[in-house]
Amino acid sequence: MTVLLRDVVDVLERLYPTTTAQSWDQVGLVTGDPEQPVERVLLALDPTLAVIEEARERHADLLLTHHPLLLRGVHSVATTTAKGASVTRLVVGDIALYVAHTNADVAAVGVCEALATAAGLTDTRPLVMVEDQPLGRVGRLAAPTTLGEFATALQAALPRAAGGLRVAGPAEATVETVAVLGGSGDDQFEAVRVSGADVYVTADLRHHPALEAREESRGGPPFLVDAGHWSSEAVWLPTVRDALARALRVDIDISTVRTDPWTFTVGAENLGGMP
């Protein structure tokens, strides 16, 4: 039986209802004809030119990404810009693009749940409700451990990135309750404090909000782990692959293109007592 794009969209919108996306977000079908056949799907975090080229080389009919291509208004899709070139290559290549962004963050088969699983958490609950949707997760480790041991295990469970993990807190501190939020999360420090978490795993932590959070904790918990935007969300891709495979008879690949913009680090120093 031929699988059509509308069939895949139906499955995606059961997993990630567009109504659960935050009000500022742009999700759903970006390019493609709902009646076109789909035999192969490529999953990626970002719809970059390199990812679109990979989709073309793999003969993918659909590219599913977490991050939107057209989040803000554009007035031209000429190939003189990267976004214009991306739209052109998708349309000319007959490749549909579908985006599941903040609706995938809050879903049961979503980004935050995948990050919580990678962190080894059980008995998870929402970190905070945003626009009536459960954003982030809080859970417990199987047994108390040290912050250093937790960060080491988390790094091994996440997709590898040039920046590794940045940790704020003493390596020997005991942690058991963990809050996680994939992607940018330095606007939820108050929710983390209310949750009683010993450590908060997120990404894109800026200097001043992170420093203020550590000042408010007076050196104690919640400690901070910046896992990197790409790593903290790319961990979701195998989850959505498995969910789609259970519902559809199509080939599903995960992109091999690393869309983390960082490629190497220089002079990183371990100042926290880790061996």
Protein backbone atom coordinates (compact mmCIF):
# COMPACT_ATOMS: atom_id res chain seq x y z
CA MET A 1 0.00 0.00 0.00
CA THR A 2 1.39 3.39 -1.00
CA VAL A 3 2.05 5.75 1.90
CA LEU A 4 1.15 9.35 1.07
CA LEU A 5 2.53 12.46 2.69
CA ARG A 6 -0.86 13.12 4.27
CA ASP A 7 -0.63 9.69 5.96
CA VAL A 8 2.71 10.61 7.52
CA VAL A 9 1.38 14.03 8.55
CA ASP A 10 -1.59 12.34 10.24
CA VAL A 11 0.78 10.20 12.31
CA LEU A 12 3.02 13.15 13.17
CA GLU A 13 0.08 15.27 14.25
CA ARG A 14 -1.17 12.51 16.53
CA LEU A 15 2.28 12.31 18.11
CA TYR A 16 2.88 16.07 18.08
CA PRO A 17 -0.41 17.99 17.76
CA THR A 18 0.20 21.40 16.24
CA THR A 19 -2.20 22.87 18.79
CA THR A 20 0.34 22.14 21.54
CA ALA A 21 3.03 24.33 19.94
CA GLN A 22 3.71 27.63 21.65
CA SER A 23 1.95 30.65 20.19
CA TRP A 24 5.10 32.17 18.67
CA ASP A 25 6.16 28.94 16.95
CA GLN A 26 5.82 27.83 13.31
CA VAL A 27 5.26 24.08 12.96
CA GLY A 28 3.69 21.67 10.50
CA LEU A 29 4.06 21.10 6.77
CA VAL A 30 6.36 23.66 5.12
CA THR A 31 6.80 22.23 1.62
CA GLY A 32 5.26 19.30 -0.20
CA ASP A 33 2.01 18.01 -1.69
CA PRO A 34 -0.11 15.99 0.77
CA GLU A 35 -0.90 13.56 -2.06
CA GLN A 36 2.74 12.80 -2.95
CA PRO A 37 4.05 9.29 -2.15
CA VAL A 38 6.53 8.87 0.70
CA GLU A 39 8.92 5.93 0.68
CA ARG A 40 11.83 7.37 2.67
CA VAL A 41 11.97 9.88 5.53
CA LEU A 42 15.08 11.66 6.79
CA LEU A 43 15.14 12.95 10.36
CA ALA A 44 17.34 15.86 11.44
CA LEU A 45 17.47 18.61 14.01
CA ASP A 46 17.96 21.46 11.53
CA PRO A 47 16.95 21.95 7.86
CA THR A 48 20.35 23.21 6.76
CA LEU A 49 21.58 23.17 3.18
CA ALA A 50 23.83 20.21 3.97
CA VAL A 51 20.91 18.26 5.47
CA ILE A 52 18.73 19.03 2.46
CA GLU A 53 21.51 17.81 0.17
CA GLU A 54 21.75 14.62 2.23
CA ALA A 55 17.98 14.16 1.83
CA ARG A 56 18.38 14.51 -1.93
CA GLU A 57 21.28 12.03 -2.04
CA ARG A 58 19.32 9.51 0.03
CA HIS A 59 16.26 9.98 -2.22
CA ALA A 60 14.17 11.01 0.77
CA ASP A 61 10.64 12.17 0.02
CA LEU A 62 10.22 13.86 3.40
CA LEU A 63 12.60 15.72 5.69
CA LEU A 64 11.36 15.94 9.28
CA THR A 65 13.19 18.47 11.44
CA HIS A 66 12.83 19.83 14.95
CA HIS A 67 13.84 23.40 14.20
CA PRO A 68 11.79 25.50 11.77
CA LEU A 69 13.21 26.75 8.49
CA LEU A 70 10.89 29.78 8.35
CA LEU A 71 10.32 30.85 11.94
CA ARG A 72 10.24 34.56 11.11
CA GLY A 73 8.73 36.30 8.12
CA VAL A 74 10.76 36.41 4.90
CA HIS A 75 10.11 38.56 1.84
CA SER A 76 12.11 36.58 -0.69
CA VAL A 77 13.12 32.98 -1.33
CA ALA A 78 15.71 33.88 -3.96
CA THR A 79 18.74 31.60 -3.88
CA THR A 80 20.91 34.58 -2.91
CA THR A 81 20.09 33.75 0.73
CA ALA A 82 20.56 30.46 2.55
CA LYS A 83 16.87 30.22 3.40
CA GLY A 84 15.88 30.95 -0.19
CA ALA A 85 18.31 28.35 -1.47
CA SER A 86 16.92 25.86 1.05
CA VAL A 87 13.33 26.38 -0.05
CA THR A 88 14.35 26.15 -3.73
CA ARG A 89 16.27 22.91 -3.24
CA LEU A 90 13.37 21.36 -1.34
CA VAL A 91 10.82 22.31 -3.98
CA VAL A 92 12.99 21.49 -7.00
CA GLY A 93 14.04 18.22 -5.37
CA ASP A 94 10.40 17.32 -4.62
CA ILE A 95 11.28 16.93 -0.93
CA ALA A 96 8.59 17.71 1.62
CA LEU A 97 9.61 19.45 4.84
CA TYR A 98 7.73 18.99 8.10
CA VAL A 99 8.61 20.71 11.39
CA ALA A 100 7.79 19.51 14.92
CA HIS A 101 9.29 22.06 17.31
CA THR A 102 7.78 23.16 20.63
CA ASN A 103 4.96 20.64 20.09
CA ALA A 104 7.69 17.95 20.12
CA ASP A 105 9.27 19.48 23.24
CA VAL A 106 6.14 18.88 25.31
CA ALA A 107 5.02 15.53 23.86
CA ALA A 108 5.10 12.19 25.65
CA VAL A 109 7.28 10.88 22.78
CA GLY A 110 9.23 14.10 22.67
CA VAL A 111 12.47 15.93 23.24
CA CYS A 112 12.25 16.43 27.00
CA GLU A 113 11.24 12.82 27.62
CA ALA A 114 14.13 11.62 25.46
CA LEU A 115 16.55 13.81 27.43
CA ALA A 116 15.10 12.55 30.71
CA THR A 117 15.63 8.96 29.54
CA ALA A 118 19.23 9.73 28.55
CA ALA A 119 19.77 11.23 32.00
CA GLY A 120 18.50 7.99 33.60
CA LEU A 121 15.42 9.51 35.22
CA THR A 122 12.35 7.67 36.49
CA ASP A 123 8.99 8.88 37.82
CA THR A 124 9.14 11.99 35.67
CA ARG A 125 6.76 14.91 35.97
CA PRO A 126 6.55 18.25 34.14
CA LEU A 127 9.00 20.93 35.18
CA VAL A 128 6.61 23.77 34.35
CA MET A 129 3.40 24.45 32.45
CA VAL A 130 3.80 26.94 29.60
CA GLU A 131 0.70 27.90 27.65
CA ASP A 132 -1.05 24.94 29.30
CA GLN A 133 1.59 22.49 28.04
CA PRO A 134 4.07 20.44 30.17
CA LEU A 135 7.51 21.82 29.37
CA GLY A 136 10.63 20.10 30.74
CA ARG A 137 10.74 17.11 33.04
CA VAL A 138 11.82 16.40 36.64
CA GLY A 139 12.67 12.92 37.84
CA ARG A 140 14.89 10.86 40.09
CA LEU A 141 17.99 8.82 39.46
CA ALA A 142 18.01 5.15 40.40
CA ALA A 143 20.39 6.02 43.25
CA PRO A 144 22.17 9.12 44.50
CA THR A 145 25.46 9.88 42.78
CA THR A 146 27.95 12.70 42.57
CA LEU A 147 27.56 15.62 40.21
CA GLY A 148 30.78 14.59 38.46
CA GLU A 149 29.65 11.00 37.97
CA PHE A 150 26.24 12.13 36.76
CA ALA A 151 27.73 14.54 34.22
CA THR A 152 30.14 11.86 32.96
CA ALA A 153 27.30 9.36 32.46
CA LEU A 154 25.12 11.96 30.76
CA GLN A 155 27.89 12.91 28.37
CA ALA A 156 28.24 9.27 27.35
CA ALA A 157 24.48 9.00 26.71
CA LEU A 158 24.18 12.09 24.51
CA PRO A 159 25.29 12.65 20.90
CA ARG A 160 28.90 13.80 20.95
CA ALA A 161 29.53 17.51 20.47
CA ALA A 162 32.70 19.59 20.26
CA GLY A 163 31.82 21.61 23.33
CA GLY A 164 31.10 18.66 25.60
CA LEU A 165 29.23 19.53 28.81
CA ARG A 166 29.72 22.62 30.97
CA VAL A 167 29.00 22.05 34.65
CA ALA A 168 28.51 24.58 37.47
CA GLY A 169 28.91 23.03 40.92
CA PRO A 170 31.33 20.91 42.93
CA ALA A 171 32.10 17.55 41.31
CA GLU A 172 31.71 15.75 44.65
CA ALA A 173 28.22 17.14 45.41
CA THR A 174 25.48 14.54 45.80
CA VAL A 175 22.61 14.64 43.29
CA GLU A 176 19.48 12.53 42.95
CA THR A 177 16.61 14.70 41.67
CA VAL A 178 17.20 16.09 38.19
CA ALA A 179 15.36 18.65 36.04
CA VAL A 180 15.85 18.63 32.27
CA LEU A 181 14.81 20.92 29.44
CA GLY A 182 16.18 20.35 25.95
CA GLY A 183 17.43 23.41 24.11
CA SER A 184 17.51 26.90 25.61
CA GLY A 185 16.43 26.83 29.25
CA ASP A 186 17.85 29.72 31.24
CA ASP A 187 14.39 31.28 31.56
CA GLN A 188 13.18 28.49 33.87
CA PHE A 189 15.52 28.79 36.87
CA GLU A 190 12.65 29.69 39.20
CA ALA A 191 10.71 26.58 38.17
CA VAL A 192 13.84 24.49 38.76
CA ARG A 193 14.22 25.91 42.28
CA VAL A 194 10.56 25.21 43.04
CA SER A 195 10.93 21.63 41.74
CA GLY A 196 13.57 20.81 44.34
CA ALA A 197 15.98 19.51 41.71
CA ASP A 198 19.60 18.97 42.71
CA VAL A 199 20.80 19.62 39.15
CA TYR A 200 19.35 21.23 36.05
CA VAL A 201 20.28 19.92 32.59
CA THR A 202 19.57 22.29 29.71
CA ALA A 203 21.52 24.33 27.14
CA ASP A 204 22.44 27.80 25.92
CA LEU A 205 23.12 29.05 29.45
CA ARG A 206 24.16 32.69 29.28
CA HIS A 207 26.69 34.20 31.68
CA HIS A 208 24.48 36.56 33.67
CA PRO A 209 21.41 34.30 34.17
CA ALA A 210 23.64 31.34 35.07
CA LEU A 211 25.76 33.41 37.47
CA GLU A 212 22.66 34.84 39.13
CA ALA A 213 21.20 31.35 39.50
CA ARG A 214 24.35 30.12 41.19
CA GLU A 215 24.35 33.20 43.46
CA GLU A 216 20.74 32.53 44.47
CA SER A 217 21.66 28.94 45.38
CA ARG A 218 24.54 30.18 47.58
CA GLY A 219 26.82 27.52 46.11
CA GLY A 220 24.39 24.65 46.70
CA PRO A 221 21.78 23.02 44.48
CA PRO A 222 20.44 23.29 41.90
CA PHE A 223 23.72 22.77 40.10
CA LEU A 224 23.82 23.43 36.36
CA VAL A 225 24.74 21.31 33.35
CA ASP A 226 24.84 22.95 29.94
CA ALA A 227 24.65 19.98 27.58
CA GLY A 228 24.66 22.03 24.37
CA HIS A 229 21.60 22.86 22.28
CA TRP A 230 22.28 20.32 19.55
CA SER A 231 23.14 17.39 21.83
CA SER A 232 20.28 17.99 24.26
CA GLU A 233 17.74 17.85 21.42
CA ALA A 234 19.31 15.48 18.87
CA VAL A 235 18.86 12.73 21.47
CA TRP A 236 15.17 12.81 20.42
CA LEU A 237 15.75 11.64 16.84
CA PRO A 238 15.92 7.87 17.59
CA THR A 239 12.70 8.22 19.60
CA VAL A 240 10.73 9.74 16.73
CA ARG A 241 12.27 7.23 14.32
CA ASP A 242 10.97 4.35 16.41
CA ALA A 243 7.53 5.94 16.81
CA LEU A 244 7.18 6.46 13.05
CA ALA A 245 8.43 2.95 12.31
CA ARG A 246 5.69 1.47 14.49
CA ALA A 247 3.01 3.37 12.57
CA LEU A 248 4.23 3.47 8.95
CA ARG A 249 5.81 1.14 6.40
CA VAL A 250 8.45 3.55 5.14
CA ASP A 251 12.25 3.70 5.32
CA ILE A 252 13.46 6.08 8.02
CA ASP A 253 16.99 7.44 8.31
CA ILE A 254 18.60 9.75 10.85
CA SER A 255 20.79 12.41 9.30
CA THR A 256 24.52 11.93 9.65
CA VAL A 257 25.10 15.69 9.29
CA ARG A 258 26.08 17.33 12.57
CA THR A 259 24.27 20.66 12.58
CA ASP A 260 25.89 21.77 15.82
CA PRO A 261 27.62 24.98 14.63
CA TRP A 262 30.66 24.40 16.87
CA THR A 263 33.50 22.24 15.54
CA PHE A 264 36.30 22.40 18.12
CA THR A 265 37.39 24.01 21.38
CA VAL A 266 40.71 25.56 22.40
CA GLY A 267 42.06 25.92 25.91
CA ALA A 268 39.15 24.39 27.85
CA GLU A 269 40.20 23.88 31.46
CA ASN A 270 38.81 21.62 34.17
CA LEU A 271 38.52 23.90 37.20
CA GLY A 272 36.11 21.83 39.27
CA GLY A 273 38.22 19.03 40.68
CA MET A 274 37.26 16.30 38.19
CA PRO A 275 40.09 13.86 37.46
